[in-house]
Amino acid sequence: MKVPMLLKIENTYLSILRFAVLLGATLLLAVTAIYGLSSFKGFTANAHHEAATPTVDQKEILAHLTKKSEAAETNTAAPEKDQPNAVRQPALDEVGRRIAKALRTFMTHFEKDWSASDEDIGRYLTAHSTPYADDQAMKAAYLDGLATTLEQLLPEKAILDKVVRNPNFGKKTQTTITSPEDGSEQIVEEPVDGASKKYEVSPDNVFGEVVSAYSTKFMELHEKNVNDAREKNAEAAQTKAEALSNLYFAVGSFTSFLALVFLTIVIKIERNLRAMIPAKEPTDATAP
């Protein structure tokens, strides 16, 4: 049985179409897998990042403080005593007791009779942790870091040497005054200039400088961590948006894949039907 040329051409085209459809379906399935996996990773990524807790390097603070030739004027001097109208403070916790011990050890190194009550120190810590009052975890981290900083830095010789005593403290000069009436002489003692000031740089100022340097560094690290977390959250949101877009693309690709598979089935049915129906031989009208 001779197969007509037109049927041969149709079968050839069907074979080429079937190959193209299979190739396209394979590519679509690969694209679906790639974009589906990408969207899955995007949705499972951590979408929220908390700001890390600042960790202050005490060596960095010490290096910063020892570069200065004299203590800076700060608003963080040692706790003031005898505040009868102040709000009553709760008892110091473990971190508060560590800070109080470090402070008392430092101050009594210069002033043996120096003292401050736990309530004075508690008010001091409350005032200086105010920026973190709404975040108890950050407040605890700030106070714990402050305690560690004071414990490590206040005993350092470089810090102790920053306290400068006034060499003229309590000194007086004697002046001889001659009476104009009888010519008698009288010796009068007068304090020298600056004799009433015990320190040129006081322990209070040095302590305040250490606290100020720590607080500044802690705040810088806190702001940096907050900005880093904000950037990571923005990146996570962008990643999630891209993941959603990839998911839509993967669904579209898979739908196209199913359509091509269906087309492949139709082509297969068409070829099988052609194979089942024999071609008719042309009839000769002049035959007897």
C-alpha atoms as a PDB file:
ATOM      1  CA  MET A   1       0.000   0.000   0.000  1.00  0.00           C
ATOM      2  CA  LYS A   2       1.405   3.252  -1.114  1.00  0.00           C
ATOM      3  CA  VAL A   3       1.251   6.138   1.407  1.00  0.00           C
ATOM      4  CA  PRO A   4       0.296   9.444  -0.190  1.00  0.00           C
ATOM      5  CA  MET A   5       2.909  12.203  -0.119  1.00  0.00           C
ATOM      6  CA  LEU A   6       0.542  14.566   1.718  1.00  0.00           C
ATOM      7  CA  LEU A   7       0.099  12.026   4.529  1.00  0.00           C
ATOM      8  CA  LYS A   8       3.857  11.613   4.807  1.00  0.00           C
ATOM      9  CA  ILE A   9       4.291  15.353   5.125  1.00  0.00           C
ATOM     10  CA  GLU A  10       1.545  15.538   7.742  1.00  0.00           C
ATOM     11  CA  ASN A  11       3.155  12.748   9.776  1.00  0.00           C
ATOM     12  CA  THR A  12       6.512  14.490   9.555  1.00  0.00           C
ATOM     13  CA  TYR A  13       5.026  17.766  10.751  1.00  0.00           C
ATOM     14  CA  LEU A  14       3.237  15.968  13.577  1.00  0.00           C
ATOM     15  CA  SER A  15       6.517  14.367  14.667  1.00  0.00           C
ATOM     16  CA  ILE A  16       8.274  17.750  14.617  1.00  0.00           C
ATOM     17  CA  LEU A  17       5.396  19.351  16.526  1.00  0.00           C
ATOM     18  CA  ARG A  18       5.394  16.534  19.062  1.00  0.00           C
ATOM     19  CA  PHE A  19       9.139  16.979  19.632  1.00  0.00           C
ATOM     20  CA  ALA A  20       8.763  20.762  20.000  1.00  0.00           C
ATOM     21  CA  VAL A  21       5.871  20.324  22.435  1.00  0.00           C
ATOM     22  CA  LEU A  22       7.833  17.822  24.536  1.00  0.00           C
ATOM     23  CA  LEU A  23      10.860  20.103  24.576  1.00  0.00           C
ATOM     24  CA  GLY A  24       8.726  23.103  25.540  1.00  0.00           C
ATOM     25  CA  ALA A  25       6.967  21.120  28.263  1.00  0.00           C
ATOM     26  CA  THR A  26      10.309  19.986  29.689  1.00  0.00           C
ATOM     27  CA  LEU A  27      11.606  23.571  29.761  1.00  0.00           C
ATOM     28  CA  LEU A  28       8.389  24.785  31.402  1.00  0.00           C
ATOM     29  CA  LEU A  29       8.640  22.055  34.033  1.00  0.00           C
ATOM     30  CA  ALA A  30      12.242  23.103  34.759  1.00  0.00           C
ATOM     31  CA  VAL A  31      11.210  26.782  35.018  1.00  0.00           C
ATOM     32  CA  THR A  32       8.350  25.798  37.334  1.00  0.00           C
ATOM     33  CA  ALA A  33      10.752  23.908  39.607  1.00  0.00           C
ATOM     34  CA  ILE A  34      13.301  26.746  39.671  1.00  0.00           C
ATOM     35  CA  TYR A  35      10.811  29.522  40.394  1.00  0.00           C
ATOM     36  CA  GLY A  36       8.850  27.359  42.809  1.00  0.00           C
ATOM     37  CA  LEU A  37      11.984  26.599  44.820  1.00  0.00           C
ATOM     38  CA  SER A  38      12.967  30.271  44.741  1.00  0.00           C
ATOM     39  CA  SER A  39       9.563  31.338  46.048  1.00  0.00           C
ATOM     40  CA  PHE A  40       9.712  28.663  48.767  1.00  0.00           C
ATOM     41  CA  LYS A  41      13.065  29.986  49.991  1.00  0.00           C
ATOM     42  CA  GLY A  42      11.713  33.517  49.982  1.00  0.00           C
ATOM     43  CA  PHE A  43       8.654  32.599  52.058  1.00  0.00           C
ATOM     44  CA  THR A  44      10.642  30.520  54.560  1.00  0.00           C
ATOM     45  CA  ALA A  45      13.321  33.205  55.106  1.00  0.00           C
ATOM     46  CA  ASN A  46      13.250  35.117  58.396  1.00  0.00           C
ATOM     47  CA  ALA A  47      10.914  38.027  57.705  1.00  0.00           C
ATOM     48  CA  HIS A  48      11.575  39.961  60.913  1.00  0.00           C
ATOM     49  CA  HIS A  49      14.904  40.906  62.444  1.00  0.00           C
ATOM     50  CA  GLU A  50      15.273  42.334  65.945  1.00  0.00           C
ATOM     51  CA  ALA A  51      18.007  44.859  66.705  1.00  0.00           C
ATOM     52  CA  ALA A  52      20.995  43.127  68.269  1.00  0.00           C
ATOM     53  CA  THR A  53      21.974  43.992  71.829  1.00  0.00           C
ATOM     54  CA  PRO A  54      24.946  46.395  71.864  1.00  0.00           C
ATOM     55  CA  THR A  55      28.184  45.048  73.306  1.00  0.00           C
ATOM     56  CA  VAL A  56      30.617  47.791  74.284  1.00  0.00           C
ATOM     57  CA  ASP A  57      34.341  47.086  74.155  1.00  0.00           C
ATOM     58  CA  GLN A  58      35.892  48.384  77.396  1.00  0.00           C
ATOM     59  CA  LYS A  59      39.333  48.626  75.786  1.00  0.00           C
ATOM     60  CA  GLU A  60      37.934  51.005  73.204  1.00  0.00           C
ATOM     61  CA  ILE A  61      36.493  53.225  75.935  1.00  0.00           C
ATOM     62  CA  LEU A  62      39.779  53.190  77.848  1.00  0.00           C
ATOM     63  CA  ALA A  63      41.687  54.178  74.719  1.00  0.00           C
ATOM     64  CA  HIS A  64      39.195  56.997  74.112  1.00  0.00           C
ATOM     65  CA  LEU A  65      39.472  58.299  77.670  1.00  0.00           C
ATOM     66  CA  THR A  66      43.251  58.172  77.882  1.00  0.00           C
ATOM     67  CA  LYS A  67      43.604  60.228  74.698  1.00  0.00           C
ATOM     68  CA  LYS A  68      42.132  63.217  76.498  1.00  0.00           C
ATOM     69  CA  SER A  69      44.466  65.466  78.409  1.00  0.00           C
ATOM     70  CA  GLU A  70      41.866  66.354  81.021  1.00  0.00           C
ATOM     71  CA  ALA A  71      38.410  65.265  82.051  1.00  0.00           C
ATOM     72  CA  ALA A  72      35.587  66.741  80.056  1.00  0.00           C
ATOM     73  CA  GLU A  73      32.710  68.512  81.736  1.00  0.00           C
ATOM     74  CA  THR A  74      29.819  66.057  81.837  1.00  0.00           C
ATOM     75  CA  ASN A  75      26.366  65.754  83.313  1.00  0.00           C
ATOM     76  CA  THR A  76      27.070  62.258  84.596  1.00  0.00           C
ATOM     77  CA  ALA A  77      29.005  62.947  87.798  1.00  0.00           C
ATOM     78  CA  ALA A  78      28.777  60.544  90.704  1.00  0.00           C
ATOM     79  CA  PRO A  79      25.419  60.238  92.513  1.00  0.00           C
ATOM     80  CA  GLU A  80      24.476  63.151  94.704  1.00  0.00           C
ATOM     81  CA  LYS A  81      23.853  62.546  98.383  1.00  0.00           C
ATOM     82  CA  ASP A  82      21.213  63.818 100.760  1.00  0.00           C
ATOM     83  CA  GLN A  83      18.171  64.336  98.547  1.00  0.00           C
ATOM     84  CA  PRO A  84      15.294  64.455 101.051  1.00  0.00           C
ATOM     85  CA  ASN A  85      12.562  65.167  98.465  1.00  0.00           C
ATOM     86  CA  ALA A  86      13.627  62.540  95.933  1.00  0.00           C
ATOM     87  CA  VAL A  87      11.327  59.694  94.911  1.00  0.00           C
ATOM     88  CA  ARG A  88      11.964  56.559  96.910  1.00  0.00           C
ATOM     89  CA  GLN A  89      13.824  53.915  94.910  1.00  0.00           C
ATOM     90  CA  PRO A  90      13.461  50.122  95.115  1.00  0.00           C
ATOM     91  CA  ALA A  91      16.337  48.068  96.457  1.00  0.00           C
ATOM     92  CA  LEU A  92      19.250  47.582  94.089  1.00  0.00           C
ATOM     93  CA  ASP A  93      19.299  44.367  92.113  1.00  0.00           C
ATOM     94  CA  GLU A  94      22.447  42.347  91.445  1.00  0.00           C
ATOM     95  CA  VAL A  95      23.621  44.629  88.628  1.00  0.00           C
ATOM     96  CA  GLY A  96      22.900  47.714  90.719  1.00  0.00           C
ATOM     97  CA  ARG A  97      24.953  46.298  93.587  1.00  0.00           C
ATOM     98  CA  ARG A  98      27.856  45.657  91.223  1.00  0.00           C
ATOM     99  CA  ILE A  99      27.737  49.270  90.037  1.00  0.00           C
ATOM    100  CA  ALA A 100      27.477  50.547  93.623  1.00  0.00           C
ATOM    101  CA  LYS A 101      30.482  48.487  94.701  1.00  0.00           C
ATOM    102  CA  ALA A 102      32.614  49.707  91.795  1.00  0.00           C
ATOM    103  CA  LEU A 103      31.613  53.319  92.462  1.00  0.00           C
ATOM    104  CA  ARG A 104      32.300  53.160  96.218  1.00  0.00           C
ATOM    105  CA  THR A 105      35.652  51.477  95.687  1.00  0.00           C
ATOM    106  CA  PHE A 106      36.713  54.177  93.238  1.00  0.00           C
ATOM    107  CA  MET A 107      35.506  57.153  95.262  1.00  0.00           C
ATOM    108  CA  THR A 108      36.894  55.951  98.611  1.00  0.00           C
ATOM    109  CA  HIS A 109      40.273  55.506  96.941  1.00  0.00           C
ATOM    110  CA  PHE A 110      40.457  59.318  97.009  1.00  0.00           C
ATOM    111  CA  GLU A 111      37.972  60.235  99.739  1.00  0.00           C
ATOM    112  CA  LYS A 112      37.946  57.774 102.634  1.00  0.00           C
ATOM    113  CA  ASP A 113      34.766  59.236 104.117  1.00  0.00           C
ATOM    114  CA  TRP A 114      32.831  59.327 100.824  1.00  0.00           C
ATOM    115  CA  SER A 115      29.484  57.560 100.909  1.00  0.00           C
ATOM    116  CA  ALA A 116      26.258  57.283  98.931  1.00  0.00           C
ATOM    117  CA  SER A 117      23.166  55.326  99.844  1.00  0.00           C
ATOM    118  CA  ASP A 118      21.642  52.626  97.679  1.00  0.00           C
ATOM    119  CA  GLU A 119      18.723  54.958  97.016  1.00  0.00           C
ATOM    120  CA  ASP A 120      21.076  57.689  95.737  1.00  0.00           C
ATOM    121  CA  ILE A 121      22.719  55.206  93.401  1.00  0.00           C
ATOM    122  CA  GLY A 122      19.328  53.817  92.344  1.00  0.00           C
ATOM    123  CA  ARG A 123      18.125  57.295  91.364  1.00  0.00           C
ATOM    124  CA  TYR A 124      21.350  57.822  89.455  1.00  0.00           C
ATOM    125  CA  LEU A 125      20.909  54.584  87.487  1.00  0.00           C
ATOM    126  CA  THR A 126      17.241  55.324  86.792  1.00  0.00           C
ATOM    127  CA  ALA A 127      18.128  58.754  85.420  1.00  0.00           C
ATOM    128  CA  HIS A 128      20.874  57.449  83.134  1.00  0.00           C
ATOM    129  CA  SER A 129      18.869  54.512  81.798  1.00  0.00           C
ATOM    130  CA  THR A 130      15.910  56.726  80.874  1.00  0.00           C
ATOM    131  CA  PRO A 131      16.493  56.394  77.063  1.00  0.00           C
ATOM    132  CA  TYR A 132      15.775  52.670  77.424  1.00  0.00           C
ATOM    133  CA  ALA A 133      12.918  52.918  79.952  1.00  0.00           C
ATOM    134  CA  ASP A 134      10.388  51.520  77.436  1.00  0.00           C
ATOM    135  CA  ASP A 135      12.565  48.525  76.559  1.00  0.00           C
ATOM    136  CA  GLN A 136      13.354  46.508  79.663  1.00  0.00           C
ATOM    137  CA  ALA A 137      15.670  44.118  77.813  1.00  0.00           C
ATOM    138  CA  MET A 138      17.728  47.009  76.411  1.00  0.00           C
ATOM    139  CA  LYS A 139      17.741  48.739  79.798  1.00  0.00           C
ATOM    140  CA  ALA A 140      19.049  45.563  81.439  1.00  0.00           C
ATOM    141  CA  ALA A 141      21.728  45.260  78.743  1.00  0.00           C
ATOM    142  CA  TYR A 142      22.759  48.902  79.256  1.00  0.00           C
ATOM    143  CA  LEU A 143      23.085  48.529  83.039  1.00  0.00           C
ATOM    144  CA  ASP A 144      24.873  45.180  82.788  1.00  0.00           C
ATOM    145  CA  GLY A 145      27.378  46.653  80.322  1.00  0.00           C
ATOM    146  CA  LEU A 146      27.828  49.701  82.560  1.00  0.00           C
ATOM    147  CA  ALA A 147      28.566  47.467  85.540  1.00  0.00           C
ATOM    148  CA  THR A 148      31.172  45.528  83.565  1.00  0.00           C
ATOM    149  CA  THR A 149      32.736  48.752  82.273  1.00  0.00           C
ATOM    150  CA  LEU A 150      33.017  50.289  85.742  1.00  0.00           C
ATOM    151  CA  GLU A 151      34.391  47.079  87.248  1.00  0.00           C
ATOM    152  CA  GLN A 152      37.092  46.826  84.597  1.00  0.00           C
ATOM    153  CA  LEU A 153      38.025  50.460  83.979  1.00  0.00           C
ATOM    154  CA  LEU A 154      37.796  52.280  87.328  1.00  0.00           C
ATOM    155  CA  PRO A 155      40.687  50.303  88.891  1.00  0.00           C
ATOM    156  CA  GLU A 156      42.900  51.017  85.850  1.00  0.00           C
ATOM    157  CA  LYS A 157      45.917  53.194  86.636  1.00  0.00           C
ATOM    158  CA  ALA A 158      45.234  55.294  83.531  1.00  0.00           C
ATOM    159  CA  ILE A 159      41.807  56.170  84.947  1.00  0.00           C
ATOM    160  CA  LEU A 160      43.015  56.757  88.506  1.00  0.00           C
ATOM    161  CA  ASP A 161      45.738  59.051  87.197  1.00  0.00           C
ATOM    162  CA  LYS A 162      43.126  61.248  85.552  1.00  0.00           C
ATOM    163  CA  VAL A 163      42.167  62.535  89.013  1.00  0.00           C
ATOM    164  CA  VAL A 164      44.375  65.583  89.639  1.00  0.00           C
ATOM    165  CA  ARG A 165      44.691  67.082  93.119  1.00  0.00           C
ATOM    166  CA  ASN A 166      45.129  70.815  93.532  1.00  0.00           C
ATOM    167  CA  PRO A 167      48.646  71.406  94.912  1.00  0.00           C
ATOM    168  CA  ASN A 168      47.511  74.715  96.434  1.00  0.00           C
ATOM    169  CA  PHE A 169      44.554  73.254  98.310  1.00  0.00           C
ATOM    170  CA  GLY A 170      44.437  74.661 101.856  1.00  0.00           C
ATOM    171  CA  LYS A 171      47.620  76.677 101.449  1.00  0.00           C
ATOM    172  CA  LYS A 172      47.909  80.142 102.936  1.00  0.00           C
ATOM    173  CA  THR A 173      50.317  82.987 102.592  1.00  0.00           C
ATOM    174  CA  GLN A 174      51.514  85.169 105.438  1.00  0.00           C
ATOM    175  CA  THR A 175      51.466  88.892 104.990  1.00  0.00           C
ATOM    176  CA  THR A 176      53.007  91.359 107.439  1.00  0.00           C
ATOM    177  CA  ILE A 177      50.919  94.472 107.992  1.00  0.00           C
ATOM    178  CA  THR A 178      52.429  97.521 109.714  1.00  0.00           C
ATOM    179  CA  SER A 179      50.072  99.712 111.719  1.00  0.00           C
ATOM    180  CA  PRO A 180      50.300 103.362 110.609  1.00  0.00           C
ATOM    181  CA  GLU A 181      49.497 104.577 114.122  1.00  0.00           C
ATOM    182  CA  ASP A 182      52.103 102.888 116.282  1.00  0.00           C
ATOM    183  CA  GLY A 183      54.214 101.097 113.693  1.00  0.00           C
ATOM    184  CA  SER A 184      53.443  97.692 115.115  1.00  0.00           C
ATOM    185  CA  GLU A 185      53.540  94.734 112.794  1.00  0.00           C
ATOM    186  CA  GLN A 186      50.908  92.082 112.493  1.00  0.00           C
ATOM    187  CA  ILE A 187      51.133  88.838 110.527  1.00  0.00           C
ATOM    188  CA  VAL A 188      47.962  87.979 108.594  1.00  0.00           C
ATOM    189  CA  GLU A 189      47.339  84.632 106.855  1.00  0.00           C
ATOM    190  CA  GLU A 190      45.428  84.646 103.596  1.00  0.00           C
ATOM    191  CA  PRO A 191      44.555  81.680 101.357  1.00  0.00           C
ATOM    192  CA  VAL A 192      46.402  81.466  98.053  1.00  0.00           C
ATOM    193  CA  ASP A 193      44.470  81.636  94.825  1.00  0.00           C
ATOM    194  CA  GLY A 194      42.419  78.493  94.288  1.00  0.00           C
ATOM    195  CA  ALA A 195      43.184  77.115  97.736  1.00  0.00           C
ATOM    196  CA  SER A 196      39.550  76.213  98.349  1.00  0.00           C
ATOM    197  CA  LYS A 197      39.415  73.790  95.419  1.00  0.00           C
ATOM    198  CA  LYS A 198      40.599  70.314  96.434  1.00  0.00           C
ATOM    199  CA  TYR A 199      40.926  68.890  92.936  1.00  0.00           C
ATOM    200  CA  GLU A 200      41.762  70.260  89.565  1.00  0.00           C
ATOM    201  CA  VAL A 201      40.055  67.180  88.130  1.00  0.00           C
ATOM    202  CA  SER A 202      37.822  65.545  90.723  1.00  0.00           C
ATOM    203  CA  PRO A 203      36.951  61.846  91.107  1.00  0.00           C
ATOM    204  CA  ASP A 204      33.323  62.782  90.396  1.00  0.00           C
ATOM    205  CA  ASN A 205      34.277  64.219  87.007  1.00  0.00           C
ATOM    206  CA  VAL A 206      36.424  61.228  86.087  1.00  0.00           C
ATOM    207  CA  PHE A 207      33.654  58.817  87.069  1.00  0.00           C
ATOM    208  CA  GLY A 208      31.186  60.892  85.063  1.00  0.00           C
ATOM    209  CA  GLU A 209      33.504  60.847  82.074  1.00  0.00           C
ATOM    210  CA  VAL A 210      33.691  57.041  82.138  1.00  0.00           C
ATOM    211  CA  VAL A 211      29.890  56.752  82.348  1.00  0.00           C
ATOM    212  CA  SER A 212      29.446  59.344  79.596  1.00  0.00           C
ATOM    213  CA  ALA A 213      31.886  57.564  77.267  1.00  0.00           C
ATOM    214  CA  TYR A 214      30.153  54.227  77.867  1.00  0.00           C
ATOM    215  CA  SER A 215      26.663  55.702  77.389  1.00  0.00           C
ATOM    216  CA  THR A 216      27.665  57.415  74.145  1.00  0.00           C
ATOM    217  CA  LYS A 217      29.211  54.236  72.738  1.00  0.00           C
ATOM    218  CA  PHE A 218      26.247  52.113  73.805  1.00  0.00           C
ATOM    219  CA  MET A 219      23.826  54.534  72.135  1.00  0.00           C
ATOM    220  CA  GLU A 220      25.903  54.574  68.919  1.00  0.00           C
ATOM    221  CA  LEU A 221      25.915  50.768  68.773  1.00  0.00           C
ATOM    222  CA  HIS A 222      22.198  50.627  69.592  1.00  0.00           C
ATOM    223  CA  GLU A 223      21.337  53.061  66.776  1.00  0.00           C
ATOM    224  CA  LYS A 224      23.580  51.140  64.367  1.00  0.00           C
ATOM    225  CA  ASN A 225      21.930  47.833  65.300  1.00  0.00           C
ATOM    226  CA  VAL A 226      18.461  49.349  64.899  1.00  0.00           C
ATOM    227  CA  ASN A 227      19.379  50.671  61.438  1.00  0.00           C
ATOM    228  CA  ASP A 228      20.878  47.304  60.473  1.00  0.00           C
ATOM    229  CA  ALA A 229      17.714  45.504  61.608  1.00  0.00           C
ATOM    230  CA  ARG A 230      15.567  48.008  59.685  1.00  0.00           C
ATOM    231  CA  GLU A 231      17.608  47.382  56.513  1.00  0.00           C
ATOM    232  CA  LYS A 232      17.372  43.607  56.963  1.00  0.00           C
ATOM    233  CA  ASN A 233      13.606  43.852  57.439  1.00  0.00           C
ATOM    234  CA  ALA A 234      13.341  45.934  54.270  1.00  0.00           C
ATOM    235  CA  GLU A 235      15.411  43.335  52.402  1.00  0.00           C
ATOM    236  CA  ALA A 236      13.227  40.557  53.827  1.00  0.00           C
ATOM    237  CA  ALA A 237      10.082  42.357  52.663  1.00  0.00           C
ATOM    238  CA  GLN A 238      11.594  42.769  49.191  1.00  0.00           C
ATOM    239  CA  THR A 239      12.562  39.089  49.157  1.00  0.00           C
ATOM    240  CA  LYS A 240       9.022  38.113  50.131  1.00  0.00           C
ATOM    241  CA  ALA A 241       7.574  40.271  47.349  1.00  0.00           C
ATOM    242  CA  GLU A 242       9.954  38.675  44.846  1.00  0.00           C
ATOM    243  CA  ALA A 243       9.015  35.233  46.184  1.00  0.00           C
ATOM    244  CA  LEU A 244       5.328  35.985  45.592  1.00  0.00           C
ATOM    245  CA  SER A 245       6.107  37.131  42.063  1.00  0.00           C
ATOM    246  CA  ASN A 246       8.140  33.951  41.446  1.00  0.00           C
ATOM    247  CA  LEU A 247       5.254  31.871  42.759  1.00  0.00           C
ATOM    248  CA  TYR A 248       2.850  33.466  40.307  1.00  0.00           C
ATOM    249  CA  PHE A 249       5.335  32.846  37.498  1.00  0.00           C
ATOM    250  CA  ALA A 250       5.775  29.216  38.581  1.00  0.00           C
ATOM    251  CA  VAL A 251       2.007  28.679  38.618  1.00  0.00           C
ATOM    252  CA  GLY A 252       1.736  30.193  35.141  1.00  0.00           C
ATOM    253  CA  SER A 253       4.578  27.997  33.881  1.00  0.00           C
ATOM    254  CA  PHE A 254       3.003  24.873  35.353  1.00  0.00           C
ATOM    255  CA  THR A 255      -0.344  25.737  33.773  1.00  0.00           C
ATOM    256  CA  SER A 256       1.385  26.114  30.407  1.00  0.00           C
ATOM    257  CA  PHE A 257       3.131  22.803  31.008  1.00  0.00           C
ATOM    258  CA  LEU A 258      -0.217  21.060  31.570  1.00  0.00           C
ATOM    259  CA  ALA A 259      -1.570  22.648  28.394  1.00  0.00           C
ATOM    260  CA  LEU A 260       1.385  21.334  26.378  1.00  0.00           C
ATOM    261  CA  VAL A 261       1.012  17.869  27.904  1.00  0.00           C
ATOM    262  CA  PHE A 262      -2.616  17.910  26.842  1.00  0.00           C
ATOM    263  CA  LEU A 263      -1.523  18.976  23.352  1.00  0.00           C
ATOM    264  CA  THR A 264       0.964  16.094  23.296  1.00  0.00           C
ATOM    265  CA  ILE A 265      -1.850  13.680  24.079  1.00  0.00           C
ATOM    266  CA  VAL A 266      -3.959  15.115  21.266  1.00  0.00           C
ATOM    267  CA  ILE A 267      -1.050  14.744  18.817  1.00  0.00           C
ATOM    268  CA  LYS A 268      -0.504  11.164  19.974  1.00  0.00           C
ATOM    269  CA  ILE A 269      -4.183  10.340  19.434  1.00  0.00           C
ATOM    270  CA  GLU A 270      -4.073  11.931  15.986  1.00  0.00           C
ATOM    271  CA  ARG A 271      -1.062   9.853  14.943  1.00  0.00           C
ATOM    272  CA  ASN A 272      -2.590   6.645  16.259  1.00  0.00           C
ATOM    273  CA  LEU A 273      -5.839   7.301  14.408  1.00  0.00           C
ATOM    274  CA  ARG A 274      -3.946   7.882  11.178  1.00  0.00           C
ATOM    275  CA  ALA A 275      -2.117   4.596  11.652  1.00  0.00           C
ATOM    276  CA  MET A 276      -5.381   2.719  12.194  1.00  0.00           C
ATOM    277  CA  ILE A 277      -7.169   4.063   9.089  1.00  0.00           C
ATOM    278  CA  PRO A 278      -5.646   2.546   5.878  1.00  0.00           C
ATOM    279  CA  ALA A 279      -5.209   4.801   2.936  1.00  0.00           C
ATOM    280  CA  LYS A 280      -7.649   4.179   0.084  1.00  0.00           C
ATOM    281  CA  GLU A 281      -6.211   3.017  -3.255  1.00  0.00           C
ATOM    282  CA  PRO A 282      -7.211   5.218  -6.180  1.00  0.00           C
ATOM    283  CA  THR A 283      -9.874   3.489  -8.406  1.00  0.00           C
ATOM    284  CA  ASP A 284      -9.534   3.031 -12.153  1.00  0.00           C
ATOM    285  CA  ALA A 285     -12.793   4.075 -13.830  1.00  0.00           C
ATOM    286  CA  THR A 286     -12.003   2.169 -17.037  1.00  0.00           C
ATOM    287  CA  ALA A 287     -11.564  -1.235 -15.365  1.00  0.00           C
ATOM    288  CA  PRO A 288     -14.077  -3.964 -16.487  1.00  0.00           C
END
